[in-house]
Amino acid sequence: MPLVSMGPMLRAARAGGYGVGAFNIVDYTSFKAVVEAADELDAPVIAQVSVKTVKLWGYRAIAAWARQLAGATTVPVALHVDHCRDLDVIRACIEAGWTSVMFDGSHLPFADNLAATREVVGLAKPHGIAVEAELGAIGGVEDDIAVADEDARLADPEEAARFCHGLELDVFAPAIGTAHGVYKGEPRLAFDRIDRIANETGVPLALHGGTGLADDVFRRCIALGCAKVNISTQIKYAFVEGFAAFHATGPKVEPVLYLDAQLARLRREVAADIELFGAAGKAHAAVEV
């Protein structure tokens, strides 16, 4: 199947009460694992890429991986750039054939964030490309964007409604108490705020900072309207540990064996999350909205 926009799959997920996993890939092996796990479970999936990773491998190289991997499966696959603050990067992704982009203007004053996001919508929508935006400040570190605990700021529901009603967004990422990276303590999510923002905006929500949340927290967030569930740090750990665990069985000199071990570990992790989020068997529904 050709690459698709994440817009239809997230609208279907919101309507169906399940979540679509958005997994941060770091190379071809991790990308392959994400698509193969989705294919095995007949699920829609989003492969998202940090700006740092985009700059490492190149816009067109990653887009070529995406087209090849998506073309080998019948499940919908979206290619998404995550937490981007640079309009030039977004333009380059659009030109290279990406199907979804996130503009992160959460560090800007409300009016500036709205204006810049509107510009991104104007760049993306004529090409059928989905847009994600953020409001509030999600704590932790993501792609060198660091937000200290004391600077984390929950999204205001009234501001969220004004923000979304002024834009044509496919998914909205409000800060609701999660954090990027590894949690230092028990995460405290504002479930009432998730519910209110989902209802007042009418836009599928993105749950950032998914790694480390309890299963019941995922399920509750998805039921409240979080149709896109981001998993990044978990993928990084699986990537490193898949390699290290294989090496611990005895040093080998054939790199392909290490890559196979990484692929298997990553595929298991992604598959478990797809099952948890309720997206297994939903590939067909995701292309009908």
C-alpha atoms as a PDB file:
ATOM      1  CA  MET A   1       0.000   0.000   0.000  1.00  0.00           C
ATOM      2  CA  PRO A   2       1.275   3.523  -0.701  1.00  0.00           C
ATOM      3  CA  LEU A   3       2.080   5.738   2.280  1.00  0.00           C
ATOM      4  CA  VAL A   4      -1.004   7.401   3.740  1.00  0.00           C
ATOM      5  CA  SER A   5      -1.837  10.465   5.800  1.00  0.00           C
ATOM      6  CA  MET A   6      -2.390   9.785   9.485  1.00  0.00           C
ATOM      7  CA  GLY A   7      -5.565  11.903   9.423  1.00  0.00           C
ATOM      8  CA  PRO A   8      -8.044   9.212   8.329  1.00  0.00           C
ATOM      9  CA  MET A   9      -6.524   6.535  10.574  1.00  0.00           C
ATOM     10  CA  LEU A  10      -6.746   8.817  13.620  1.00  0.00           C
ATOM     11  CA  ARG A  11     -10.332   9.850  12.918  1.00  0.00           C
ATOM     12  CA  ALA A  12     -11.231   6.166  12.653  1.00  0.00           C
ATOM     13  CA  ALA A  13      -9.370   5.414  15.879  1.00  0.00           C
ATOM     14  CA  ARG A  14     -11.125   8.228  17.735  1.00  0.00           C
ATOM     15  CA  ALA A  15     -14.496   6.989  16.520  1.00  0.00           C
ATOM     16  CA  GLY A  16     -13.628   3.369  17.296  1.00  0.00           C
ATOM     17  CA  GLY A  17     -12.156   3.933  20.737  1.00  0.00           C
ATOM     18  CA  TYR A  18      -8.668   2.572  20.043  1.00  0.00           C
ATOM     19  CA  GLY A  19      -5.239   4.111  19.677  1.00  0.00           C
ATOM     20  CA  VAL A  20      -2.785   4.077  16.771  1.00  0.00           C
ATOM     21  CA  GLY A  21       0.810   3.544  17.824  1.00  0.00           C
ATOM     22  CA  ALA A  22       3.257   6.219  16.663  1.00  0.00           C
ATOM     23  CA  PHE A  23       6.725   4.727  17.035  1.00  0.00           C
ATOM     24  CA  ASN A  24       9.930   6.748  16.759  1.00  0.00           C
ATOM     25  CA  ILE A  25      12.192   4.850  14.379  1.00  0.00           C
ATOM     26  CA  VAL A  26      15.958   5.407  14.410  1.00  0.00           C
ATOM     27  CA  ASP A  27      17.099   3.478  11.327  1.00  0.00           C
ATOM     28  CA  TYR A  28      15.903   1.047   8.646  1.00  0.00           C
ATOM     29  CA  THR A  29      15.878  -1.936  11.021  1.00  0.00           C
ATOM     30  CA  SER A  30      13.605  -0.208  13.538  1.00  0.00           C
ATOM     31  CA  PHE A  31      11.378   1.056  10.711  1.00  0.00           C
ATOM     32  CA  LYS A  32      11.115  -2.493   9.334  1.00  0.00           C
ATOM     33  CA  ALA A  33      10.211  -3.824  12.779  1.00  0.00           C
ATOM     34  CA  VAL A  34       7.387  -1.279  13.154  1.00  0.00           C
ATOM     35  CA  VAL A  35       5.862  -2.102   9.760  1.00  0.00           C
ATOM     36  CA  GLU A  36       6.258  -5.869  10.146  1.00  0.00           C
ATOM     37  CA  ALA A  37       4.576  -5.832  13.563  1.00  0.00           C
ATOM     38  CA  ALA A  38       1.683  -3.801  12.165  1.00  0.00           C
ATOM     39  CA  ASP A  39       1.400  -6.116   9.174  1.00  0.00           C
ATOM     40  CA  GLU A  40       1.337  -9.205  11.396  1.00  0.00           C
ATOM     41  CA  LEU A  41      -1.488  -7.733  13.487  1.00  0.00           C
ATOM     42  CA  ASP A  42      -3.381  -6.093  10.590  1.00  0.00           C
ATOM     43  CA  ALA A  43      -3.080  -2.689  12.251  1.00  0.00           C
ATOM     44  CA  PRO A  44      -2.594   0.903  11.114  1.00  0.00           C
ATOM     45  CA  VAL A  45       0.683   2.417  12.251  1.00  0.00           C
ATOM     46  CA  ILE A  46       2.616   5.687  12.291  1.00  0.00           C
ATOM     47  CA  ALA A  47       6.389   5.678  11.870  1.00  0.00           C
ATOM     48  CA  GLN A  48       7.608   8.964  13.240  1.00  0.00           C
ATOM     49  CA  VAL A  49      11.084  10.422  13.060  1.00  0.00           C
ATOM     50  CA  SER A  50      12.829  13.012  15.204  1.00  0.00           C
ATOM     51  CA  VAL A  51      14.456  15.975  13.502  1.00  0.00           C
ATOM     52  CA  LYS A  52      17.828  14.711  14.701  1.00  0.00           C
ATOM     53  CA  THR A  53      17.262  11.373  12.968  1.00  0.00           C
ATOM     54  CA  VAL A  54      16.016  13.093   9.813  1.00  0.00           C
ATOM     55  CA  LYS A  55      19.216  15.088   9.610  1.00  0.00           C
ATOM     56  CA  LEU A  56      21.332  11.974  10.202  1.00  0.00           C
ATOM     57  CA  TRP A  57      19.884   9.838   7.391  1.00  0.00           C
ATOM     58  CA  GLY A  58      18.351  12.420   5.061  1.00  0.00           C
ATOM     59  CA  TYR A  59      14.804  13.318   4.048  1.00  0.00           C
ATOM     60  CA  ARG A  60      14.735  11.369   0.804  1.00  0.00           C
ATOM     61  CA  ALA A  61      16.487   8.299   2.201  1.00  0.00           C
ATOM     62  CA  ILE A  62      13.917   7.898   4.979  1.00  0.00           C
ATOM     63  CA  ALA A  63      11.062   8.554   2.554  1.00  0.00           C
ATOM     64  CA  ALA A  64      12.470   5.845   0.278  1.00  0.00           C
ATOM     65  CA  TRP A  65      12.582   3.367   3.178  1.00  0.00           C
ATOM     66  CA  ALA A  66       8.980   4.277   3.960  1.00  0.00           C
ATOM     67  CA  ARG A  67       7.733   3.793   0.412  1.00  0.00           C
ATOM     68  CA  GLN A  68       9.493   0.428   0.111  1.00  0.00           C
ATOM     69  CA  LEU A  69       8.271  -0.898   3.460  1.00  0.00           C
ATOM     70  CA  ALA A  70       4.710   0.423   3.084  1.00  0.00           C
ATOM     71  CA  GLY A  71       4.564  -0.943  -0.461  1.00  0.00           C
ATOM     72  CA  ALA A  72       5.261  -4.439   0.826  1.00  0.00           C
ATOM     73  CA  THR A  73       2.237  -4.480   3.147  1.00  0.00           C
ATOM     74  CA  THR A  74      -1.519  -4.007   2.933  1.00  0.00           C
ATOM     75  CA  VAL A  75      -1.813  -2.058   6.215  1.00  0.00           C
ATOM     76  CA  PRO A  76      -1.833   1.757   6.267  1.00  0.00           C
ATOM     77  CA  VAL A  77       1.517   3.309   7.186  1.00  0.00           C
ATOM     78  CA  ALA A  78       2.053   7.039   7.768  1.00  0.00           C
ATOM     79  CA  LEU A  79       5.464   8.753   7.782  1.00  0.00           C
ATOM     80  CA  HIS A  80       5.539  11.580  10.317  1.00  0.00           C
ATOM     81  CA  VAL A  81       8.169  14.090  11.466  1.00  0.00           C
ATOM     82  CA  ASP A  82       7.971  14.571  15.240  1.00  0.00           C
ATOM     83  CA  HIS A  83       8.413  17.754  17.332  1.00  0.00           C
ATOM     84  CA  CYS A  84       9.690  20.010  14.579  1.00  0.00           C
ATOM     85  CA  ARG A  85      10.220  23.726  15.226  1.00  0.00           C
ATOM     86  CA  ASP A  86      11.930  24.497  11.915  1.00  0.00           C
ATOM     87  CA  LEU A  87       9.706  25.357   8.953  1.00  0.00           C
ATOM     88  CA  ASP A  88      12.556  24.612   6.549  1.00  0.00           C
ATOM     89  CA  VAL A  89      12.684  21.031   7.840  1.00  0.00           C
ATOM     90  CA  ILE A  90       8.924  20.717   7.400  1.00  0.00           C
ATOM     91  CA  ARG A  91       9.160  22.035   3.841  1.00  0.00           C
ATOM     92  CA  ALA A  92      11.914  19.529   3.044  1.00  0.00           C
ATOM     93  CA  CYS A  93       9.840  16.658   4.458  1.00  0.00           C
ATOM     94  CA  ILE A  94       6.861  17.708   2.354  1.00  0.00           C
ATOM     95  CA  GLU A  95       9.006  17.903  -0.779  1.00  0.00           C
ATOM     96  CA  ALA A  96      10.520  14.471  -0.068  1.00  0.00           C
ATOM     97  CA  GLY A  97       7.114  12.779   0.158  1.00  0.00           C
ATOM     98  CA  TRP A  98       6.363  12.566   3.887  1.00  0.00           C
ATOM     99  CA  THR A  99       2.680  12.219   4.697  1.00  0.00           C
ATOM    100  CA  SER A 100       2.415  13.889   8.117  1.00  0.00           C
ATOM    101  CA  VAL A 101       4.218  16.651  10.004  1.00  0.00           C
ATOM    102  CA  MET A 102       4.206  18.040  13.526  1.00  0.00           C
ATOM    103  CA  PHE A 103       4.938  21.670  14.166  1.00  0.00           C
ATOM    104  CA  ASP A 104       5.875  22.148  17.826  1.00  0.00           C
ATOM    105  CA  GLY A 105       5.260  25.798  18.654  1.00  0.00           C
ATOM    106  CA  SER A 106       4.597  25.087  22.324  1.00  0.00           C
ATOM    107  CA  HIS A 107       7.533  27.320  23.317  1.00  0.00           C
ATOM    108  CA  LEU A 108       5.906  30.324  21.614  1.00  0.00           C
ATOM    109  CA  PRO A 109       3.255  32.699  22.936  1.00  0.00           C
ATOM    110  CA  PHE A 110      -0.254  31.548  22.036  1.00  0.00           C
ATOM    111  CA  ALA A 111      -0.737  33.972  19.129  1.00  0.00           C
ATOM    112  CA  ASP A 112       2.674  33.184  17.621  1.00  0.00           C
ATOM    113  CA  ASN A 113       2.130  29.428  17.953  1.00  0.00           C
ATOM    114  CA  LEU A 114      -1.251  29.758  16.263  1.00  0.00           C
ATOM    115  CA  ALA A 115       0.147  31.885  13.422  1.00  0.00           C
ATOM    116  CA  ALA A 116       3.118  29.591  12.772  1.00  0.00           C
ATOM    117  CA  THR A 117       0.943  26.472  12.911  1.00  0.00           C
ATOM    118  CA  ARG A 118      -1.480  28.073  10.464  1.00  0.00           C
ATOM    119  CA  GLU A 119       1.460  28.604   8.097  1.00  0.00           C
ATOM    120  CA  VAL A 120       2.370  24.912   8.388  1.00  0.00           C
ATOM    121  CA  VAL A 121      -1.237  23.932   7.657  1.00  0.00           C
ATOM    122  CA  GLY A 122      -1.069  26.111   4.549  1.00  0.00           C
ATOM    123  CA  LEU A 123       2.105  24.335   3.430  1.00  0.00           C
ATOM    124  CA  ALA A 124       0.860  20.813   4.126  1.00  0.00           C
ATOM    125  CA  LYS A 125      -2.840  20.652   3.293  1.00  0.00           C
ATOM    126  CA  PRO A 126      -2.559  21.340  -0.462  1.00  0.00           C
ATOM    127  CA  HIS A 127      -0.463  18.152  -0.636  1.00  0.00           C
ATOM    128  CA  GLY A 128      -2.863  16.058   1.460  1.00  0.00           C
ATOM    129  CA  ILE A 129      -0.391  15.988   4.358  1.00  0.00           C
ATOM    130  CA  ALA A 130      -1.657  15.686   7.935  1.00  0.00           C
ATOM    131  CA  VAL A 131      -0.674  18.220  10.597  1.00  0.00           C
ATOM    132  CA  GLU A 132      -0.146  17.855  14.346  1.00  0.00           C
ATOM    133  CA  ALA A 133       0.315  20.814  16.696  1.00  0.00           C
ATOM    134  CA  GLU A 134       1.061  21.224  20.396  1.00  0.00           C
ATOM    135  CA  LEU A 135      -0.119  23.531  23.163  1.00  0.00           C
ATOM    136  CA  GLY A 136       1.264  23.713  26.675  1.00  0.00           C
ATOM    137  CA  ALA A 137       4.711  22.421  27.620  1.00  0.00           C
ATOM    138  CA  ILE A 138       5.346  18.669  27.888  1.00  0.00           C
ATOM    139  CA  GLY A 139       8.165  17.964  30.333  1.00  0.00           C
ATOM    140  CA  GLY A 140      11.300  15.922  29.717  1.00  0.00           C
ATOM    141  CA  VAL A 141      13.659  15.739  26.754  1.00  0.00           C
ATOM    142  CA  GLU A 142      12.710  14.938  23.158  1.00  0.00           C
ATOM    143  CA  ASP A 143      15.180  15.402  20.291  1.00  0.00           C
ATOM    144  CA  ASP A 144      17.277  17.903  22.306  1.00  0.00           C
ATOM    145  CA  ILE A 145      14.153  19.896  23.241  1.00  0.00           C
ATOM    146  CA  ALA A 146      14.349  19.980  27.030  1.00  0.00           C
ATOM    147  CA  VAL A 147      11.560  21.188  29.329  1.00  0.00           C
ATOM    148  CA  ALA A 148      12.372  21.206  33.035  1.00  0.00           C
ATOM    149  CA  ASP A 149       9.755  19.922  35.469  1.00  0.00           C
ATOM    150  CA  GLU A 150       9.180  23.404  36.834  1.00  0.00           C
ATOM    151  CA  ASP A 151       8.583  24.724  33.307  1.00  0.00           C
ATOM    152  CA  ALA A 152       6.109  22.029  32.259  1.00  0.00           C
ATOM    153  CA  ARG A 153       2.713  23.617  31.678  1.00  0.00           C
ATOM    154  CA  LEU A 154      -0.643  21.914  31.191  1.00  0.00           C
ATOM    155  CA  ALA A 155      -2.746  22.989  28.239  1.00  0.00           C
ATOM    156  CA  ASP A 156      -5.693  25.192  29.110  1.00  0.00           C
ATOM    157  CA  PRO A 157      -8.946  23.686  27.720  1.00  0.00           C
ATOM    158  CA  GLU A 158     -10.364  27.049  26.659  1.00  0.00           C
ATOM    159  CA  GLU A 159      -7.129  27.991  24.877  1.00  0.00           C
ATOM    160  CA  ALA A 160      -7.035  24.521  23.307  1.00  0.00           C
ATOM    161  CA  ALA A 161     -10.522  25.011  21.891  1.00  0.00           C
ATOM    162  CA  ARG A 162      -9.649  28.442  20.484  1.00  0.00           C
ATOM    163  CA  PHE A 163      -6.414  27.053  19.013  1.00  0.00           C
ATOM    164  CA  CYS A 164      -8.002  24.063  17.305  1.00  0.00           C
ATOM    165  CA  HIS A 165     -11.090  25.871  16.061  1.00  0.00           C
ATOM    166  CA  GLY A 166      -8.825  28.302  14.227  1.00  0.00           C
ATOM    167  CA  LEU A 167      -6.946  25.564  12.385  1.00  0.00           C
ATOM    168  CA  GLU A 168      -7.476  22.487  10.224  1.00  0.00           C
ATOM    169  CA  LEU A 169      -5.629  19.987  12.424  1.00  0.00           C
ATOM    170  CA  ASP A 170      -5.586  16.197  12.125  1.00  0.00           C
ATOM    171  CA  VAL A 171      -4.296  15.649  15.654  1.00  0.00           C
ATOM    172  CA  PHE A 172      -3.686  17.898  18.642  1.00  0.00           C
ATOM    173  CA  ALA A 173      -1.047  17.351  21.346  1.00  0.00           C
ATOM    174  CA  PRO A 174      -2.034  19.093  24.589  1.00  0.00           C
ATOM    175  CA  ALA A 175       0.249  18.907  27.611  1.00  0.00           C
ATOM    176  CA  ILE A 176      -1.753  16.839  30.104  1.00  0.00           C
ATOM    177  CA  GLY A 177       0.848  15.703  32.650  1.00  0.00           C
ATOM    178  CA  THR A 178       2.935  13.185  30.725  1.00  0.00           C
ATOM    179  CA  ALA A 179       6.673  13.649  30.118  1.00  0.00           C
ATOM    180  CA  HIS A 180       9.181  12.605  27.501  1.00  0.00           C
ATOM    181  CA  GLY A 181      11.911  10.152  28.461  1.00  0.00           C
ATOM    182  CA  VAL A 182      11.956   8.003  31.607  1.00  0.00           C
ATOM    183  CA  TYR A 183       9.579   8.945  34.421  1.00  0.00           C
ATOM    184  CA  LYS A 184      11.300   9.834  37.690  1.00  0.00           C
ATOM    185  CA  GLY A 185       8.196   9.082  39.719  1.00  0.00           C
ATOM    186  CA  GLU A 186       4.537   8.212  39.321  1.00  0.00           C
ATOM    187  CA  PRO A 187       3.152  10.259  36.407  1.00  0.00           C
ATOM    188  CA  ARG A 188       0.157  12.396  37.313  1.00  0.00           C
ATOM    189  CA  LEU A 189      -2.108  12.809  34.328  1.00  0.00           C
ATOM    190  CA  ALA A 190      -4.942  15.336  34.239  1.00  0.00           C
ATOM    191  CA  PHE A 191      -7.633  12.943  33.000  1.00  0.00           C
ATOM    192  CA  ASP A 192     -10.387  15.511  33.458  1.00  0.00           C
ATOM    193  CA  ARG A 193      -8.427  17.895  31.243  1.00  0.00           C
ATOM    194  CA  ILE A 194      -7.975  15.225  28.547  1.00  0.00           C
ATOM    195  CA  ASP A 195     -11.730  14.620  28.549  1.00  0.00           C
ATOM    196  CA  ARG A 196     -12.598  18.302  28.362  1.00  0.00           C
ATOM    197  CA  ILE A 197     -10.033  19.124  25.644  1.00  0.00           C
ATOM    198  CA  ALA A 198     -11.126  16.162  23.526  1.00  0.00           C
ATOM    199  CA  ASN A 199     -14.768  17.194  23.747  1.00  0.00           C
ATOM    200  CA  GLU A 200     -14.243  20.912  23.247  1.00  0.00           C
ATOM    201  CA  THR A 201     -11.795  20.640  20.332  1.00  0.00           C
ATOM    202  CA  GLY A 202     -13.373  17.700  18.500  1.00  0.00           C
ATOM    203  CA  VAL A 203      -9.880  16.763  17.274  1.00  0.00           C
ATOM    204  CA  PRO A 204      -8.157  13.397  17.897  1.00  0.00           C
ATOM    205  CA  LEU A 205      -5.545  13.882  20.607  1.00  0.00           C
ATOM    206  CA  ALA A 206      -1.925  12.715  20.715  1.00  0.00           C
ATOM    207  CA  LEU A 207      -0.570  11.163  23.899  1.00  0.00           C
ATOM    208  CA  HIS A 208       3.088  12.133  24.155  1.00  0.00           C
ATOM    209  CA  GLY A 209       5.407  10.625  26.757  1.00  0.00           C
ATOM    210  CA  GLY A 210       3.897   7.159  26.463  1.00  0.00           C
ATOM    211  CA  THR A 211       6.921   5.114  27.551  1.00  0.00           C
ATOM    212  CA  GLY A 212       6.508   3.963  31.132  1.00  0.00           C
ATOM    213  CA  LEU A 213       2.775   4.528  31.550  1.00  0.00           C
ATOM    214  CA  ALA A 214       0.743   1.717  33.099  1.00  0.00           C
ATOM    215  CA  ASP A 215      -1.558  -0.320  30.842  1.00  0.00           C
ATOM    216  CA  ASP A 216      -4.685   1.013  32.527  1.00  0.00           C
ATOM    217  CA  VAL A 217      -3.467   4.590  32.035  1.00  0.00           C
ATOM    218  CA  PHE A 218      -3.035   3.974  28.309  1.00  0.00           C
ATOM    219  CA  ARG A 219      -6.516   2.486  28.088  1.00  0.00           C
ATOM    220  CA  ARG A 220      -8.100   5.362  29.986  1.00  0.00           C
ATOM    221  CA  CYS A 221      -6.343   8.011  27.858  1.00  0.00           C
ATOM    222  CA  ILE A 222      -7.396   6.259  24.657  1.00  0.00           C
ATOM    223  CA  ALA A 223     -11.003   5.999  25.863  1.00  0.00           C
ATOM    224  CA  LEU A 224     -10.972   9.743  26.575  1.00  0.00           C
ATOM    225  CA  GLY A 225      -9.824  10.656  23.057  1.00  0.00           C
ATOM    226  CA  CYS A 226      -6.093   9.996  22.662  1.00  0.00           C
ATOM    227  CA  ALA A 227      -6.114   8.378  19.220  1.00  0.00           C
ATOM    228  CA  LYS A 228      -2.352   8.733  18.599  1.00  0.00           C
ATOM    229  CA  VAL A 229      -0.039   7.133  21.174  1.00  0.00           C
ATOM    230  CA  ASN A 230       3.627   8.097  20.968  1.00  0.00           C
ATOM    231  CA  ILE A 231       6.333   5.600  21.905  1.00  0.00           C
ATOM    232  CA  SER A 232       9.953   6.750  21.610  1.00  0.00           C
ATOM    233  CA  THR A 233      12.150   5.952  24.616  1.00  0.00           C
ATOM    234  CA  GLN A 234      10.910   2.348  24.718  1.00  0.00           C
ATOM    235  CA  ILE A 235      12.082   1.911  21.119  1.00  0.00           C
ATOM    236  CA  LYS A 236      15.513   3.314  21.963  1.00  0.00           C
ATOM    237  CA  TYR A 237      15.927   0.864  24.843  1.00  0.00           C
ATOM    238  CA  ALA A 238      14.768  -2.082  22.743  1.00  0.00           C
ATOM    239  CA  PHE A 239      17.154  -1.058  19.964  1.00  0.00           C
ATOM    240  CA  VAL A 240      20.166  -1.028  22.298  1.00  0.00           C
ATOM    241  CA  GLU A 241      19.147  -3.979  24.454  1.00  0.00           C
ATOM    242  CA  GLY A 242      18.363  -6.197  21.452  1.00  0.00           C
ATOM    243  CA  PHE A 243      21.939  -5.713  20.307  1.00  0.00           C
ATOM    244  CA  ALA A 244      23.474  -6.025  23.789  1.00  0.00           C
ATOM    245  CA  ALA A 245      21.527  -9.151  24.759  1.00  0.00           C
ATOM    246  CA  PHE A 246      22.651 -10.938  21.618  1.00  0.00           C
ATOM    247  CA  HIS A 247      26.258  -9.881  22.187  1.00  0.00           C
ATOM    248  CA  ALA A 248      26.076 -11.212  25.745  1.00  0.00           C
ATOM    249  CA  THR A 249      25.507 -14.724  24.392  1.00  0.00           C
ATOM    250  CA  GLY A 250      29.038 -14.621  22.995  1.00  0.00           C
ATOM    251  CA  PRO A 251      30.806 -12.206  20.624  1.00  0.00           C
ATOM    252  CA  LYS A 252      30.074 -12.757  16.939  1.00  0.00           C
ATOM    253  CA  VAL A 253      31.669 -11.162  13.911  1.00  0.00           C
ATOM    254  CA  GLU A 254      28.629 -11.294  11.605  1.00  0.00           C
ATOM    255  CA  PRO A 255      26.750  -7.969  11.885  1.00  0.00           C
ATOM    256  CA  VAL A 256      23.596  -9.358  10.248  1.00  0.00           C
ATOM    257  CA  LEU A 257      23.062 -11.622  13.260  1.00  0.00           C
ATOM    258  CA  TYR A 258      22.996  -8.568  15.536  1.00  0.00           C
ATOM    259  CA  LEU A 259      20.574  -6.787  13.211  1.00  0.00           C
ATOM    260  CA  ASP A 260      18.285  -9.831  13.193  1.00  0.00           C
ATOM    261  CA  ALA A 261      18.314  -9.870  17.005  1.00  0.00           C
ATOM    262  CA  GLN A 262      17.487  -6.166  17.125  1.00  0.00           C
ATOM    263  CA  LEU A 263      14.697  -6.617  14.599  1.00  0.00           C
ATOM    264  CA  ALA A 264      13.113  -9.455  16.570  1.00  0.00           C
ATOM    265  CA  ARG A 265      13.261  -7.531  19.868  1.00  0.00           C
ATOM    266  CA  LEU A 266      11.826  -4.366  18.350  1.00  0.00           C
ATOM    267  CA  ARG A 267       9.065  -6.254  16.564  1.00  0.00           C
ATOM    268  CA  ARG A 268       7.966  -7.883  19.845  1.00  0.00           C
ATOM    269  CA  GLU A 269       7.862  -4.531  21.647  1.00  0.00           C
ATOM    270  CA  VAL A 270       5.865  -2.826  18.908  1.00  0.00           C
ATOM    271  CA  ALA A 271       3.434  -5.730  18.570  1.00  0.00           C
ATOM    272  CA  ALA A 272       2.728  -5.727  22.314  1.00  0.00           C
ATOM    273  CA  ASP A 273       1.920  -2.010  22.200  1.00  0.00           C
ATOM    274  CA  ILE A 274      -0.344  -2.359  19.161  1.00  0.00           C
ATOM    275  CA  GLU A 275      -2.306  -5.050  21.021  1.00  0.00           C
ATOM    276  CA  LEU A 276      -2.480  -2.902  24.162  1.00  0.00           C
ATOM    277  CA  PHE A 277      -3.747   0.137  22.263  1.00  0.00           C
ATOM    278  CA  GLY A 278      -6.513  -1.925  20.663  1.00  0.00           C
ATOM    279  CA  ALA A 279      -5.423  -1.331  17.050  1.00  0.00           C
ATOM    280  CA  ALA A 280      -4.957  -4.982  16.050  1.00  0.00           C
ATOM    281  CA  GLY A 281      -7.335  -5.918  13.235  1.00  0.00           C
ATOM    282  CA  LYS A 282      -8.204  -2.248  12.554  1.00  0.00           C
ATOM    283  CA  ALA A 283      -6.194  -1.733   9.329  1.00  0.00           C
ATOM    284  CA  HIS A 284      -9.276  -1.839   7.105  1.00  0.00           C
ATOM    285  CA  ALA A 285     -11.264   0.624   9.233  1.00  0.00           C
ATOM    286  CA  ALA A 286      -8.367   3.071   9.177  1.00  0.00           C
ATOM    287  CA  VAL A 287      -8.590   3.692   5.426  1.00  0.00           C
ATOM    288  CA  GLU A 288     -12.370   4.097   5.208  1.00  0.00           C
ATOM    289  CA  VAL A 289     -12.844   7.417   7.033  1.00  0.00           C
END
